[in-house]
Amino acid sequence: MLPERTSVLIVGAGPAGLAAAISLFHHGCKDIVIVDAVERTPDTSRAMAIHAATLEALESIGCADKLVELGIKGETLNIWNRTARFFTLDVSVLSQYTKYPYVLLLPQNKTEDVLEEHLKGLGISVQRPYKAVGIKGDVDELGNTEVLFESGEIIKAQYTIGADGSRSAIRQLSGIGFADPDGLPVDESLAQIVLADVTFSKECPTLPTNNVIATIHGGAFFLLIPLQKWRTDISNTESQDAIYRIGFNVPAALGPPPSKPSLEYLQDHLNSQGPLNLSSDPTVNPNPISITKSLWATRFRTHAAIADKFVFRLHARDETFGGHIILIGDAAHIHSPAGGQGMNLGIRDAIALGSALVAHMNQTNSPDTSGSGNPLEVHGETRRKSALSVIRLTKRIMGVVTTLGTTSVVDLPYWILRTLGAIPAVRRMIAWQVSGLGNR
């Protein structure tokens, strides 16, 4: 049974929702209810990169060490043109700025496991499955928000946090707009993406161990990322085979990818878009290697959008403080997966919210709030600026992918990008931006 009333209701128990609950508790707010619309699905790994700025934020709430223990410290991103490497992004150059000079490679379900276990240790459990279907503001003398669930249960909350993904029920029920900030159409050649966690027929030196390989060629890209030897099924036992995340685009001209990509489909795209030395075709690779198992796979369309407001006072009356709606994570912003920014930005939203929301609570309860400003409004504006910055960063990255994918080694843009990428200051600037240290 859900309680009838709480100070803070968090709808959505992904990484952002869980991190928000932990951050709130860390800052002194313990009257929290967190719900999710579905039961846990431990066989889906989804996002898998945790950057330096996010690890710093997680450290502030006591959650970084366990994640670092479980993940792989990715040190470099190597970009190939199918036959040779032409650019390396070395994240270790950030060692003078952070204690986390790497990209932590860890499946999202493992990140969620760690965060949810930490939250349970604080005495808070996720309530499932509870799907929000209605919302009202100013329902009592305290100006609380009333959230109705499909079960028929109702919770009255002073603060309602929407952490329920890109199709956020909380955002939609509150009538908050959600659109591309630049109003630009999606590049159809890069819009359709397939991700899968796979094993290969044999281990070989060309498979990465602590780095990411990206192949860009002919209007297509292919990603290859190592994972720990985790099985992603419900038994949670260790696999005997090394596991790799692969990702690739499917141009619109080829039609939509299947909802459940087969091994043959994954292999065909590896052969046509990936490094030639990982092909299963003996005519192009004298040491052919093939995908033997798919542990998990998904398809999606990528686009960018941002909420009109991250903090919204729902139907507030002048004589009350009103019920606050706060959006974090994918409920507040989405963009292309370029650079692995989405989950990172959402977690940083959530952790930053803890101190802002508790400060607002204290301000609301204080008899004198003159000249103190509104911590929640400041938080919302700051995080929205950060989200806009990340959206434009991912668009720039995809622009580079498009340029490289449609040029050859004899074209000027190729050599301009390759020359710029060889300049240490440029490489350090790229690492600074991708790591999130330049946009905490």
Foldseek 3Di string as FASTA:
>chain_A
DDDAEFAEEEEDQFLLSLLLQLLQVQQPGDRYAYEYQADDALLAQPFFWAFQVLLVLCVVSPQNPVLQVAWFFAAWEFEAQQADTQFIQGQLVCVVPGVRSGITGGGRSVSSVSSQVVVVVVVYHYHDNWAWDAKAFQPDPQGWIWTATPVRGIYTYQEYEFAHAQVTPLCVNLVWDKFFPVPDDDPQLAFKKKKFKFFKPDDDPVQDDRHKYWHFAQSKIKIKAWTAQFQSHPVRDGHPTTIIMMMMGDHCVNPHADQDHDQVNVLVCCCVHNRQCAHQDCVSHVDYMGTDDTSDMGMGTFAKMFTPWQKDFRPDDPVHPHRIYGYAANNGIGGDCVLNCRSSLRSVLSSLVSNLVVVQVVLRPDPDNPPVDRSVRVSGVLSRVLRVVVRVVRVVRVVLSSVRHNDDPVDPVVVVVSVLSVDVVSSNVVSCVSSCVVRD
